[in-house]
Amino acid sequence: MDQSIEKTLVATLAAKGLHIATAESCTGGLAAARITSVAGASEVFDGAVVSYANRVKEELLGVPEKILARHGAVSAECACAMAQGVRTLMGADIGVSLTGIAGPGGGTPEKPVGTVYLGIADAAGVSARLLTLSGDRDAIRARSVQAALAAALTQAEQYPARPEET
């Protein structure tokens, strides 16, 4: 494929009349940067929230405090709440979230460095999946973003094509 995943994602979203938004913690806005690097992204990208602090996850994205207290910010539950929260906040069709531990510190035996949760939300529902990544901080962040863009593309491809305007 000679077209980058972000170009394919933007083209697919545009062809289907869809909008996307991102909520990122460990990736610090890298997914949003990749999407907005594509000419024409303004037609499909509504915005992003870099929610590094739990307070921002709660106050801006609506992640319930009980999720953070019970499961932590690096959890499937938090990723789902972030994806749904950014989707709602931005009025987007698809919300994508990333939360995890990129390292080099911060890992625990239960959640080692490289533990990342990817959330995706649309009108049909919300889900999260665990990514177990290796490498240094930059590699973990890059692989997380690549996985998020691929998941968003897969989600967008499930929608029917936008009807031709006559």
N, C-alpha and C. Protein backbone atom coordinates (compact mmCIF):
# COMPACT_ATOMS: atom_id res chain seq x y z
N MET A 1 0.85 -1.17 0.00
CA MET A 1 0.00 0.00 0.00
C MET A 1 0.90 1.24 0.00
N ASP A 2 0.76 2.11 -0.99
CA ASP A 2 1.61 3.28 -1.02
C ASP A 2 0.97 4.47 -0.31
N GLN A 3 -0.20 4.31 0.21
CA GLN A 3 -0.87 5.39 0.92
C GLN A 3 -0.79 5.11 2.42
N SER A 4 -0.44 6.12 3.21
CA SER A 4 -0.34 5.94 4.65
C SER A 4 -1.72 5.62 5.23
N ILE A 5 -1.70 4.99 6.40
CA ILE A 5 -2.97 4.63 7.03
C ILE A 5 -3.80 5.87 7.35
N GLU A 6 -3.14 6.96 7.73
CA GLU A 6 -3.91 8.17 8.04
C GLU A 6 -4.57 8.75 6.79
N LYS A 7 -3.91 8.66 5.65
CA LYS A 7 -4.53 9.12 4.39
C LYS A 7 -5.72 8.23 4.04
N THR A 8 -5.55 6.94 4.19
CA THR A 8 -6.64 6.00 3.91
C THR A 8 -7.80 6.25 4.87
N LEU A 9 -7.49 6.49 6.13
CA LEU A 9 -8.54 6.76 7.12
C LEU A 9 -9.30 8.03 6.76
N VAL A 10 -8.60 9.10 6.48
CA VAL A 10 -9.26 10.37 6.13
C VAL A 10 -10.11 10.20 4.88
N ALA A 11 -9.59 9.52 3.87
CA ALA A 11 -10.34 9.30 2.63
C ALA A 11 -11.59 8.45 2.89
N THR A 12 -11.46 7.44 3.72
CA THR A 12 -12.60 6.57 4.03
C THR A 12 -13.66 7.33 4.81
N LEU A 13 -13.23 8.08 5.81
CA LEU A 13 -14.18 8.89 6.59
C LEU A 13 -14.91 9.88 5.68
N ALA A 14 -14.18 10.53 4.80
CA ALA A 14 -14.78 11.51 3.88
C ALA A 14 -15.78 10.84 2.94
N ALA A 15 -15.41 9.69 2.40
CA ALA A 15 -16.28 8.98 1.47
C ALA A 15 -17.58 8.53 2.14
N LYS A 16 -17.52 8.33 3.44
CA LYS A 16 -18.69 7.83 4.16
C LYS A 16 -19.40 8.92 4.95
N GLY A 17 -18.88 10.15 4.87
CA GLY A 17 -19.51 11.26 5.57
C GLY A 17 -19.40 11.17 7.08
N LEU A 18 -18.31 10.60 7.56
CA LEU A 18 -18.13 10.39 8.99
C LEU A 18 -17.14 11.37 9.59
N HIS A 19 -17.30 11.57 10.91
CA HIS A 19 -16.38 12.42 11.67
C HIS A 19 -15.77 11.61 12.79
N ILE A 20 -14.53 11.96 13.15
CA ILE A 20 -13.78 11.24 14.18
C ILE A 20 -13.19 12.24 15.17
N ALA A 21 -12.99 11.77 16.40
CA ALA A 21 -12.31 12.56 17.44
C ALA A 21 -11.46 11.60 18.25
N THR A 22 -10.39 12.13 18.86
CA THR A 22 -9.50 11.29 19.65
C THR A 22 -9.35 11.81 21.07
N ALA A 23 -9.14 10.86 21.99
CA ALA A 23 -8.81 11.16 23.38
C ALA A 23 -7.54 10.38 23.67
N GLU A 24 -6.48 11.09 24.04
CA GLU A 24 -5.19 10.42 24.20
C GLU A 24 -4.56 10.77 25.54
N SER A 25 -3.96 9.76 26.13
CA SER A 25 -3.19 9.97 27.35
C SER A 25 -1.73 9.70 27.04
N CYS A 26 -1.33 8.45 26.99
CA CYS A 26 0.09 8.09 26.84
C CYS A 26 0.68 8.55 25.51
N THR A 27 -0.14 8.80 24.51
CA THR A 27 0.37 9.21 23.20
C THR A 27 0.39 10.72 23.03
N GLY A 28 -0.14 11.45 23.97
CA GLY A 28 0.00 12.89 23.99
C GLY A 28 -0.42 13.65 22.74
N GLY A 29 -1.38 13.15 22.00
CA GLY A 29 -1.86 13.84 20.80
C GLY A 29 -1.25 13.37 19.50
N LEU A 30 -0.44 12.32 19.56
CA LEU A 30 0.20 11.83 18.33
C LEU A 30 -0.80 11.29 17.31
N ALA A 31 -1.87 10.65 17.76
CA ALA A 31 -2.88 10.16 16.82
C ALA A 31 -3.55 11.33 16.11
N ALA A 32 -3.90 12.35 16.88
CA ALA A 32 -4.51 13.54 16.29
C ALA A 32 -3.55 14.19 15.30
N ALA A 33 -2.27 14.24 15.65
CA ALA A 33 -1.27 14.84 14.75
C ALA A 33 -1.16 14.05 13.45
N ARG A 34 -1.19 12.75 13.54
CA ARG A 34 -1.11 11.92 12.32
C ARG A 34 -2.32 12.17 11.43
N ILE A 35 -3.51 12.22 12.03
CA ILE A 35 -4.72 12.45 11.23
C ILE A 35 -4.69 13.83 10.60
N THR A 36 -4.35 14.84 11.40
CA THR A 36 -4.38 16.21 10.88
C THR A 36 -3.22 16.54 9.97
N SER A 37 -2.26 15.62 9.82
CA SER A 37 -1.18 15.83 8.85
C SER A 37 -1.67 15.63 7.42
N VAL A 38 -2.87 15.08 7.28
CA VAL A 38 -3.43 14.79 5.96
C VAL A 38 -4.24 15.99 5.47
N ALA A 39 -3.94 16.43 4.28
CA ALA A 39 -4.73 17.51 3.68
C ALA A 39 -6.18 17.05 3.57
N GLY A 40 -7.09 17.90 3.98
CA GLY A 40 -8.51 17.55 3.94
C GLY A 40 -9.04 16.96 5.23
N ALA A 41 -8.17 16.77 6.20
CA ALA A 41 -8.60 16.18 7.47
C ALA A 41 -9.64 17.05 8.18
N SER A 42 -9.64 18.34 7.91
CA SER A 42 -10.60 19.22 8.58
C SER A 42 -12.04 18.87 8.23
N GLU A 43 -12.24 18.14 7.14
CA GLU A 43 -13.59 17.71 6.76
C GLU A 43 -14.10 16.56 7.62
N VAL A 44 -13.20 15.85 8.30
CA VAL A 44 -13.60 14.64 9.03
C VAL A 44 -13.14 14.59 10.48
N PHE A 45 -12.18 15.43 10.85
CA PHE A 45 -11.62 15.41 12.20
C PHE A 45 -12.21 16.54 13.01
N ASP A 46 -12.92 16.19 14.09
CA ASP A 46 -13.59 17.20 14.91
C ASP A 46 -12.71 17.78 16.00
N GLY A 47 -11.81 17.00 16.56
CA GLY A 47 -10.95 17.50 17.61
C GLY A 47 -10.38 16.39 18.46
N ALA A 48 -9.59 16.82 19.44
CA ALA A 48 -8.90 15.86 20.31
C ALA A 48 -8.79 16.43 21.72
N VAL A 49 -8.67 15.51 22.65
CA VAL A 49 -8.38 15.87 24.04
C VAL A 49 -7.16 15.07 24.47
N VAL A 50 -6.12 15.77 24.90
CA VAL A 50 -4.98 15.09 25.51
C VAL A 50 -5.24 15.12 27.01
N SER A 51 -5.65 13.98 27.52
CA SER A 51 -6.08 13.88 28.91
C SER A 51 -5.04 13.11 29.73
N TYR A 52 -3.91 13.75 29.91
CA TYR A 52 -2.82 13.12 30.65
C TYR A 52 -3.19 12.97 32.13
N ALA A 53 -3.82 13.97 32.69
CA ALA A 53 -4.19 13.96 34.10
C ALA A 53 -5.57 13.31 34.29
N ASN A 54 -5.70 12.56 35.37
CA ASN A 54 -7.00 11.95 35.67
C ASN A 54 -8.09 13.00 35.81
N ARG A 55 -7.76 14.16 36.37
CA ARG A 55 -8.74 15.24 36.52
C ARG A 55 -9.33 15.63 35.18
N VAL A 56 -8.51 15.66 34.14
CA VAL A 56 -8.99 16.01 32.80
C VAL A 56 -9.86 14.88 32.26
N LYS A 57 -9.46 13.64 32.52
CA LYS A 57 -10.28 12.51 32.10
C LYS A 57 -11.68 12.62 32.71
N GLU A 58 -11.73 12.96 33.98
CA GLU A 58 -13.02 13.09 34.67
C GLU A 58 -13.80 14.31 34.21
N GLU A 59 -13.17 15.48 34.28
CA GLU A 59 -13.89 16.74 34.06
C GLU A 59 -14.23 17.00 32.60
N LEU A 60 -13.36 16.64 31.70
CA LEU A 60 -13.60 16.96 30.29
C LEU A 60 -14.22 15.80 29.52
N LEU A 61 -13.76 14.58 29.82
CA LEU A 61 -14.25 13.42 29.08
C LEU A 61 -15.37 12.68 29.81
N GLY A 62 -15.62 13.02 31.06
CA GLY A 62 -16.69 12.37 31.80
C GLY A 62 -16.37 10.97 32.29
N VAL A 63 -15.08 10.64 32.40
CA VAL A 63 -14.71 9.33 32.96
C VAL A 63 -15.11 9.32 34.43
N PRO A 64 -15.96 8.39 34.83
CA PRO A 64 -16.39 8.36 36.23
C PRO A 64 -15.21 8.12 37.19
N GLU A 65 -15.19 8.86 38.28
CA GLU A 65 -14.13 8.72 39.28
C GLU A 65 -14.05 7.29 39.78
N LYS A 66 -15.20 6.61 39.86
CA LYS A 66 -15.20 5.24 40.36
C LYS A 66 -14.44 4.29 39.42
N ILE A 67 -14.45 4.58 38.13
CA ILE A 67 -13.65 3.76 37.19
C ILE A 67 -12.17 3.96 37.47
N LEU A 68 -11.77 5.20 37.65
CA LEU A 68 -10.36 5.49 37.92
C LEU A 68 -9.93 4.89 39.26
N ALA A 69 -10.80 4.96 40.26
CA ALA A 69 -10.46 4.42 41.57
C ALA A 69 -10.41 2.89 41.55
N ARG A 70 -11.33 2.27 40.87
CA ARG A 70 -11.43 0.80 40.88
C ARG A 70 -10.48 0.14 39.89
N HIS A 71 -10.38 0.71 38.68
CA HIS A 71 -9.63 0.06 37.61
C HIS A 71 -8.34 0.79 37.21
N GLY A 72 -8.27 2.06 37.51
CA GLY A 72 -7.12 2.87 37.13
C GLY A 72 -7.29 3.48 35.75
N ALA A 73 -6.42 4.45 35.47
CA ALA A 73 -6.47 5.13 34.17
C ALA A 73 -6.04 4.20 33.04
N VAL A 74 -5.21 3.22 33.36
CA VAL A 74 -4.76 2.26 32.35
C VAL A 74 -5.63 1.01 32.49
N SER A 75 -6.78 1.07 31.84
CA SER A 75 -7.75 -0.02 31.94
C SER A 75 -8.70 0.04 30.74
N ALA A 76 -9.32 -1.09 30.47
CA ALA A 76 -10.31 -1.15 29.40
C ALA A 76 -11.48 -0.24 29.73
N GLU A 77 -11.86 -0.21 31.00
CA GLU A 77 -13.01 0.61 31.42
C GLU A 77 -12.73 2.09 31.16
N CYS A 78 -11.53 2.53 31.50
CA CYS A 78 -11.17 3.92 31.27
C CYS A 78 -11.09 4.23 29.78
N ALA A 79 -10.50 3.33 29.00
CA ALA A 79 -10.40 3.54 27.55
C ALA A 79 -11.79 3.66 26.92
N CYS A 80 -12.72 2.84 27.36
CA CYS A 80 -14.10 2.91 26.84
C CYS A 80 -14.73 4.25 27.20
N ALA A 81 -14.59 4.65 28.46
CA ALA A 81 -15.18 5.92 28.89
C ALA A 81 -14.55 7.11 28.17
N MET A 82 -13.25 7.06 27.93
CA MET A 82 -12.57 8.13 27.19
C MET A 82 -13.08 8.20 25.75
N ALA A 83 -13.20 7.06 25.09
CA ALA A 83 -13.65 7.04 23.69
C ALA A 83 -15.08 7.56 23.58
N GLN A 84 -15.94 7.11 24.48
CA GLN A 84 -17.33 7.59 24.45
C GLN A 84 -17.39 9.06 24.82
N GLY A 85 -16.57 9.45 25.79
CA GLY A 85 -16.56 10.84 26.24
C GLY A 85 -16.14 11.80 25.14
N VAL A 86 -15.08 11.47 24.40
CA VAL A 86 -14.63 12.37 23.34
C VAL A 86 -15.61 12.36 22.18
N ARG A 87 -16.21 11.24 21.92
CA ARG A 87 -17.22 11.16 20.86
C ARG A 87 -18.38 12.10 21.17
N THR A 88 -18.84 12.04 22.40
CA THR A 88 -19.95 12.89 22.84
C THR A 88 -19.54 14.37 22.86
N LEU A 89 -18.39 14.65 23.46
CA LEU A 89 -17.91 16.02 23.58
C LEU A 89 -17.77 16.70 22.23
N MET A 90 -17.24 15.98 21.26
CA MET A 90 -16.97 16.56 19.94
C MET A 90 -18.12 16.37 18.95
N GLY A 91 -19.11 15.56 19.30
CA GLY A 91 -20.21 15.31 18.38
C GLY A 91 -19.77 14.48 17.18
N ALA A 92 -18.78 13.62 17.39
CA ALA A 92 -18.22 12.81 16.30
C ALA A 92 -18.96 11.49 16.15
N ASP A 93 -18.83 10.89 14.98
CA ASP A 93 -19.40 9.57 14.75
C ASP A 93 -18.57 8.49 15.43
N ILE A 94 -17.24 8.67 15.42
CA ILE A 94 -16.32 7.68 15.99
C ILE A 94 -15.41 8.38 16.98
N GLY A 95 -15.28 7.80 18.16
CA GLY A 95 -14.33 8.29 19.15
C GLY A 95 -13.29 7.22 19.39
N VAL A 96 -12.03 7.62 19.42
CA VAL A 96 -10.92 6.69 19.63
C VAL A 96 -10.11 7.17 20.83
N SER A 97 -9.70 6.24 21.68
CA SER A 97 -8.91 6.63 22.84
C SER A 97 -7.70 5.72 23.01
N LEU A 98 -6.67 6.28 23.64
CA LEU A 98 -5.47 5.53 24.01
C LEU A 98 -5.07 5.91 25.42
N THR A 99 -4.84 4.92 26.26
CA THR A 99 -4.36 5.15 27.62
C THR A 99 -3.44 4.00 27.99
N GLY A 100 -2.28 4.32 28.52
CA GLY A 100 -1.34 3.25 28.83
C GLY A 100 -0.08 3.73 29.49
N ILE A 101 0.90 2.84 29.51
CA ILE A 101 2.18 3.10 30.15
C ILE A 101 3.26 2.97 29.08
N ALA A 102 3.79 4.11 28.66
CA ALA A 102 4.79 4.12 27.60
C ALA A 102 6.22 4.00 28.13
N GLY A 103 6.40 4.22 29.42
CA GLY A 103 7.71 4.07 30.03
C GLY A 103 8.60 5.29 29.87
N PRO A 104 9.83 5.18 30.29
CA PRO A 104 10.47 3.96 30.74
C PRO A 104 10.04 3.52 32.14
N GLY A 105 9.51 4.44 32.94
CA GLY A 105 9.04 4.08 34.28
C GLY A 105 7.53 3.99 34.29
N GLY A 106 6.99 3.75 35.50
CA GLY A 106 5.55 3.75 35.68
C GLY A 106 4.90 2.39 35.62
N GLY A 107 5.61 1.39 35.17
CA GLY A 107 5.02 0.07 35.07
C GLY A 107 4.98 -0.65 36.42
N THR A 108 4.10 -1.62 36.51
CA THR A 108 3.98 -2.48 37.68
C THR A 108 3.94 -3.92 37.19
N PRO A 109 4.06 -4.90 38.09
CA PRO A 109 3.92 -6.29 37.64
C PRO A 109 2.57 -6.56 36.98
N GLU A 110 1.51 -5.92 37.46
CA GLU A 110 0.17 -6.12 36.89
C GLU A 110 0.00 -5.37 35.57
N LYS A 111 0.63 -4.19 35.48
CA LYS A 111 0.54 -3.35 34.28
C LYS A 111 1.95 -2.88 33.93
N PRO A 112 2.70 -3.73 33.23
CA PRO A 112 4.07 -3.35 32.89
C PRO A 112 4.11 -2.29 31.79
N VAL A 113 5.29 -1.68 31.65
CA VAL A 113 5.51 -0.75 30.54
C VAL A 113 5.12 -1.46 29.25
N GLY A 114 4.41 -0.76 28.39
CA GLY A 114 3.93 -1.34 27.14
C GLY A 114 2.47 -1.77 27.20
N THR A 115 1.87 -1.66 28.38
CA THR A 115 0.44 -1.95 28.52
C THR A 115 -0.34 -0.73 28.05
N VAL A 116 -1.12 -0.90 27.00
CA VAL A 116 -1.90 0.20 26.43
C VAL A 116 -3.29 -0.33 26.12
N TYR A 117 -4.29 0.46 26.45
CA TYR A 117 -5.67 0.14 26.08
C TYR A 117 -6.14 1.11 25.01
N LEU A 118 -6.75 0.53 24.00
CA LEU A 118 -7.30 1.26 22.87
C LEU A 118 -8.81 1.16 22.93
N GLY A 119 -9.48 2.29 23.01
CA GLY A 119 -10.94 2.30 23.03
C GLY A 119 -11.49 2.86 21.74
N ILE A 120 -12.67 2.36 21.37
CA ILE A 120 -13.34 2.88 20.17
C ILE A 120 -14.83 2.89 20.43
N ALA A 121 -15.46 4.02 20.09
CA ALA A 121 -16.89 4.18 20.34
C ALA A 121 -17.57 4.74 19.10
N ASP A 122 -18.77 4.23 18.84
CA ASP A 122 -19.62 4.81 17.81
C ASP A 122 -21.07 4.60 18.26
N ALA A 123 -22.01 4.88 17.39
CA ALA A 123 -23.42 4.78 17.77
C ALA A 123 -23.82 3.35 18.14
N ALA A 124 -23.09 2.37 17.64
CA ALA A 124 -23.43 0.97 17.92
C ALA A 124 -22.91 0.49 19.27
N GLY A 125 -21.96 1.22 19.85
CA GLY A 125 -21.43 0.81 21.15
C GLY A 125 -19.99 1.22 21.33
N VAL A 126 -19.41 0.66 22.38
CA VAL A 126 -18.03 1.00 22.72
C VAL A 126 -17.30 -0.27 23.14
N SER A 127 -16.02 -0.33 22.79
CA SER A 127 -15.22 -1.49 23.18
C SER A 127 -13.77 -1.04 23.38
N ALA A 128 -13.02 -1.91 24.03
CA ALA A 128 -11.60 -1.63 24.23
C ALA A 128 -10.82 -2.91 24.03
N ARG A 129 -9.57 -2.75 23.66
CA ARG A 129 -8.71 -3.92 23.57
C ARG A 129 -7.35 -3.59 24.15
N LEU A 130 -6.74 -4.60 24.68
CA LEU A 130 -5.43 -4.48 25.29
C LEU A 130 -4.35 -4.65 24.24
N LEU A 131 -3.40 -3.73 24.23
CA LEU A 131 -2.21 -3.85 23.40
C LEU A 131 -1.05 -4.10 24.36
N THR A 132 -0.27 -5.12 24.10
CA THR A 132 0.91 -5.39 24.89
C THR A 132 2.11 -5.15 23.98
N LEU A 133 2.75 -4.01 24.17
CA LEU A 133 3.76 -3.54 23.23
C LEU A 133 5.15 -3.56 23.85
N SER A 134 6.15 -3.71 23.00
CA SER A 134 7.53 -3.69 23.47
C SER A 134 8.26 -2.53 22.82
N GLY A 135 9.45 -2.28 23.33
CA GLY A 135 10.27 -1.21 22.78
C GLY A 135 10.41 -0.07 23.76
N ASP A 136 11.08 0.97 23.30
CA ASP A 136 11.25 2.15 24.15
C ASP A 136 9.99 3.02 24.08
N ARG A 137 10.01 4.11 24.81
CA ARG A 137 8.85 5.01 24.89
C ARG A 137 8.35 5.43 23.51
N ASP A 138 9.26 5.85 22.66
CA ASP A 138 8.86 6.31 21.32
C ASP A 138 8.21 5.18 20.52
N ALA A 139 8.78 3.99 20.61
CA ALA A 139 8.24 2.84 19.87
C ALA A 139 6.86 2.46 20.38
N ILE A 140 6.68 2.46 21.69
CA ILE A 140 5.38 2.11 22.28
C ILE A 140 4.33 3.13 21.86
N ARG A 141 4.67 4.39 21.90
CA ARG A 141 3.72 5.43 21.49
C ARG A 141 3.39 5.31 20.00
N ALA A 142 4.41 5.10 19.17
CA ALA A 142 4.17 4.97 17.72
C ALA A 142 3.32 3.76 17.40
N ARG A 143 3.59 2.64 18.04
CA ARG A 143 2.80 1.42 17.79
C ARG A 143 1.37 1.59 18.29
N SER A 144 1.21 2.30 19.39
CA SER A 144 -0.14 2.56 19.91
C SER A 144 -0.96 3.37 18.90
N VAL A 145 -0.35 4.41 18.37
CA VAL A 145 -1.03 5.26 17.39
C VAL A 145 -1.35 4.47 16.14
N GLN A 146 -0.42 3.67 15.67
CA GLN A 146 -0.66 2.86 14.48
C GLN A 146 -1.87 1.94 14.70
N ALA A 147 -1.93 1.31 15.87
CA ALA A 147 -3.05 0.42 16.19
C ALA A 147 -4.36 1.20 16.25
N ALA A 148 -4.32 2.39 16.81
CA ALA A 148 -5.54 3.22 16.91
C ALA A 148 -6.04 3.62 15.53
N LEU A 149 -5.14 4.03 14.66
CA LEU A 149 -5.54 4.42 13.30
C LEU A 149 -6.11 3.22 12.54
N ALA A 150 -5.49 2.06 12.72
CA ALA A 150 -5.99 0.85 12.06
C ALA A 150 -7.38 0.49 12.59
N ALA A 151 -7.58 0.60 13.90
CA ALA A 151 -8.90 0.29 14.48
C ALA A 151 -9.95 1.28 13.99
N ALA A 152 -9.59 2.55 13.91
CA ALA A 152 -10.53 3.56 13.42
C ALA A 152 -10.89 3.29 11.96
N LEU A 153 -9.90 2.89 11.16
CA LEU A 153 -10.16 2.58 9.75
C LEU A 153 -11.10 1.38 9.64
N THR A 154 -10.84 0.34 10.41
CA THR A 154 -11.72 -0.84 10.41
C THR A 154 -13.14 -0.45 10.79
N GLN A 155 -13.27 0.41 11.79
CA GLN A 155 -14.59 0.85 12.23
C GLN A 155 -15.28 1.64 11.11
N ALA A 156 -14.56 2.56 10.51
CA ALA A 156 -15.13 3.39 9.44
C ALA A 156 -15.55 2.56 8.24
N GLU A 157 -14.77 1.54 7.92
CA GLU A 157 -15.08 0.69 6.77
C GLU A 157 -16.39 -0.07 6.95
N GLN A 158 -16.86 -0.22 8.16
CA GLN A 158 -18.11 -0.94 8.41
C GLN A 158 -19.35 -0.12 8.05
N TYR A 159 -19.18 1.16 7.87
CA TYR A 159 -20.31 2.04 7.53
C TYR A 159 -20.60 1.99 6.04
N PRO A 160 -21.86 2.18 5.66
CA PRO A 160 -22.16 2.24 4.24
C PRO A 160 -21.63 3.53 3.62
N ALA A 161 -21.42 3.50 2.32
CA ALA A 161 -20.98 4.69 1.61
C ALA A 161 -22.04 5.77 1.70
N ARG A 162 -21.59 7.00 1.72
CA ARG A 162 -22.51 8.14 1.76
C ARG A 162 -23.24 8.19 0.42
N PRO A 163 -24.54 8.40 0.45
CA PRO A 163 -25.29 8.47 -0.82
C PRO A 163 -24.79 9.64 -1.67
N GLU A 164 -24.73 9.42 -2.95
CA GLU A 164 -24.31 10.48 -3.87
C GLU A 164 -25.34 11.58 -3.86
N GLU A 165 -24.86 12.82 -3.84
CA GLU A 165 -25.78 13.96 -3.87
C GLU A 165 -26.20 14.20 -5.32
N THR A 166 -27.49 14.45 -5.51
CA THR A 166 -27.99 14.68 -6.87
C THR A 166 -28.49 16.08 -7.04
